[in-house]
Protein backbone atom coordinates (compact mmCIF):
# COMPACT_ATOMS: atom_id res chain seq x y z
CA MET A 1 10.17 8.88 9.02
CA PHE A 2 11.11 5.94 6.72
CA THR A 3 12.00 5.35 3.51
CA ILE A 4 8.73 3.52 1.12
CA VAL A 5 9.94 1.03 -1.62
CA GLU A 6 7.67 1.43 -4.55
CA THR A 7 7.67 -2.09 -6.16
CA PRO A 8 6.98 -3.22 -9.65
CA LEU A 9 3.81 -4.01 -9.06
CA TYR A 10 2.70 -0.87 -7.17
CA ILE A 11 4.44 2.18 -10.35
CA LYS A 12 2.69 -0.16 -12.11
CA MET A 13 -1.09 0.28 -10.64
CA VAL A 14 -0.51 3.76 -9.69
CA ASP A 15 0.59 6.11 -11.62
CA SER A 16 -3.11 5.04 -12.92
CA LEU A 17 -5.15 5.88 -9.85
CA LEU A 18 -3.04 9.13 -8.12
CA THR A 19 -1.46 12.69 -9.49
CA LYS A 20 2.09 12.84 -8.53
CA GLU A 21 0.85 15.55 -5.98
CA GLU A 22 -1.03 12.02 -3.69
CA GLN A 23 1.44 9.44 -4.48
CA GLY A 24 3.25 12.23 -2.38
CA GLU A 25 0.83 12.95 0.35
CA LEU A 26 0.57 9.30 -0.11
CA HIS A 27 4.29 8.78 0.99
CA THR A 28 4.38 11.07 3.59
CA MET A 29 1.51 9.68 5.08
CA ILE A 30 2.03 6.71 5.48
CA SER A 31 5.97 7.06 6.34
CA GLN A 32 5.37 9.74 9.60
CA ASN A 33 2.24 6.65 10.39
CA PRO A 34 3.56 3.81 9.30
CA ASP A 35 0.70 1.69 11.77
CA ILE A 36 -2.17 4.09 9.67
CA GLY A 37 -3.56 1.37 8.26
CA ASP A 38 -5.29 -1.81 9.20
CA VAL A 39 -3.88 -5.75 9.40
CA VAL A 40 -4.85 -7.67 7.11
CA PRO A 41 -6.45 -10.40 8.33
CA LYS A 42 -4.83 -13.69 7.77
CA SER A 43 -2.05 -12.15 6.20
CA GLY A 44 0.73 -12.06 9.26
CA VAL A 45 2.52 -8.70 8.76
CA VAL A 46 0.33 -6.90 5.88
CA ARG A 47 -1.37 -3.87 6.32
CA LYS A 48 -3.98 -1.55 4.25
CA VAL A 49 -5.53 1.87 4.31
CA ARG A 50 -7.96 4.05 2.14
CA PHE A 51 -6.87 7.06 0.94
CA ALA A 52 -9.00 9.85 -0.56
CA ARG A 53 -8.47 11.59 -4.21
CA GLN A 54 -8.41 14.72 -4.82
CA GLY A 55 -12.71 15.08 -5.22
CA GLY A 56 -13.69 12.00 -4.20
CA GLY A 57 -13.27 11.45 -0.63
CA LYS A 58 -12.72 7.68 1.03
CA SER A 59 -15.14 6.06 -0.25
CA GLY A 60 -13.82 7.27 -4.31
CA GLY A 61 -10.59 6.58 -2.80
CA VAL A 62 -8.36 3.57 -3.38
CA ARG A 63 -7.05 0.74 -1.30
CA VAL A 64 -3.20 1.18 -0.63
CA ILE A 65 -1.56 -2.48 0.54
CA TYR A 66 1.17 -1.95 2.17
CA TYR A 67 4.24 -4.58 3.82
CA ASN A 68 6.40 -2.23 6.63
CA ARG A 69 9.82 -3.60 7.26
CA LEU A 70 10.87 -1.00 10.59
CA GLU A 71 12.91 -2.97 11.45
CA ASN A 72 15.71 -1.77 8.48
CA GLY A 73 13.74 1.08 7.86
CA LYS A 74 11.68 0.75 4.84
CA ILE A 75 7.40 0.59 3.90
CA PHE A 76 7.28 -1.70 1.01
CA MET A 77 4.43 -0.25 -1.49
CA LEU A 78 2.46 -3.56 -2.45
CA LEU A 79 -0.89 -2.41 -4.75
CA VAL A 80 -3.27 -0.32 -4.65
CA TYR A 81 -6.24 0.28 -6.39
CA THR A 82 -10.14 1.21 -6.15
CA LYS A 83 -12.37 -0.62 -4.01
CA ALA A 84 -15.51 0.00 -7.43
CA LYS A 85 -12.06 -2.52 -9.31
CA THR A 86 -11.50 -5.24 -6.95
CA GLU A 87 -13.10 -6.25 -3.46
CA ASN A 88 -10.32 -7.34 -1.21
CA ILE A 89 -7.24 -9.02 -1.60
CA PRO A 90 -7.25 -12.16 -0.19
CA ALA A 91 -4.79 -13.51 2.46
CA HIS A 92 -3.13 -16.26 0.83
CA ILE A 93 -2.12 -14.26 -1.99
CA LEU A 94 -0.54 -11.05 -0.23
CA LYS A 95 1.54 -13.20 1.55
CA ASP A 96 2.86 -14.63 -1.63
CA LEU A 97 3.40 -11.27 -1.99
CA VAL A 98 5.66 -11.31 0.50
CA LYS A 99 7.96 -14.00 0.52
CA GLU A 100 8.17 -12.56 -2.63
CA LEU A 101 9.08 -9.77 -1.43
CA ASP A 102 11.95 -11.25 1.08
CA THR A 103 13.53 -13.50 -1.91
CA TRP A 104 14.01 -9.39 -4.29
CA GLN A 105 15.22 -8.03 -0.98
């Protein structure tokens, strides 16, 4: 199992969208299967996975953007959002987030 690292931006977003229990379920799901999400086209290494909230199903759930750094055993949670609020995050923005993360680490 891998270590989940929540980035500051992710932390700002997640508490308003998921309960602590749901956050734990999400982290377990991703840490046990880090390739579960699809690679976002043109982003290089960033993945996106849908996560169903309690009582909402996948269509009423959230989209979670994360970055695997499996060589050091870490998975970085970058963004979480609802499809109703945001359709897709452009690949160039995701690349910039990864660059910032690389300098942060």
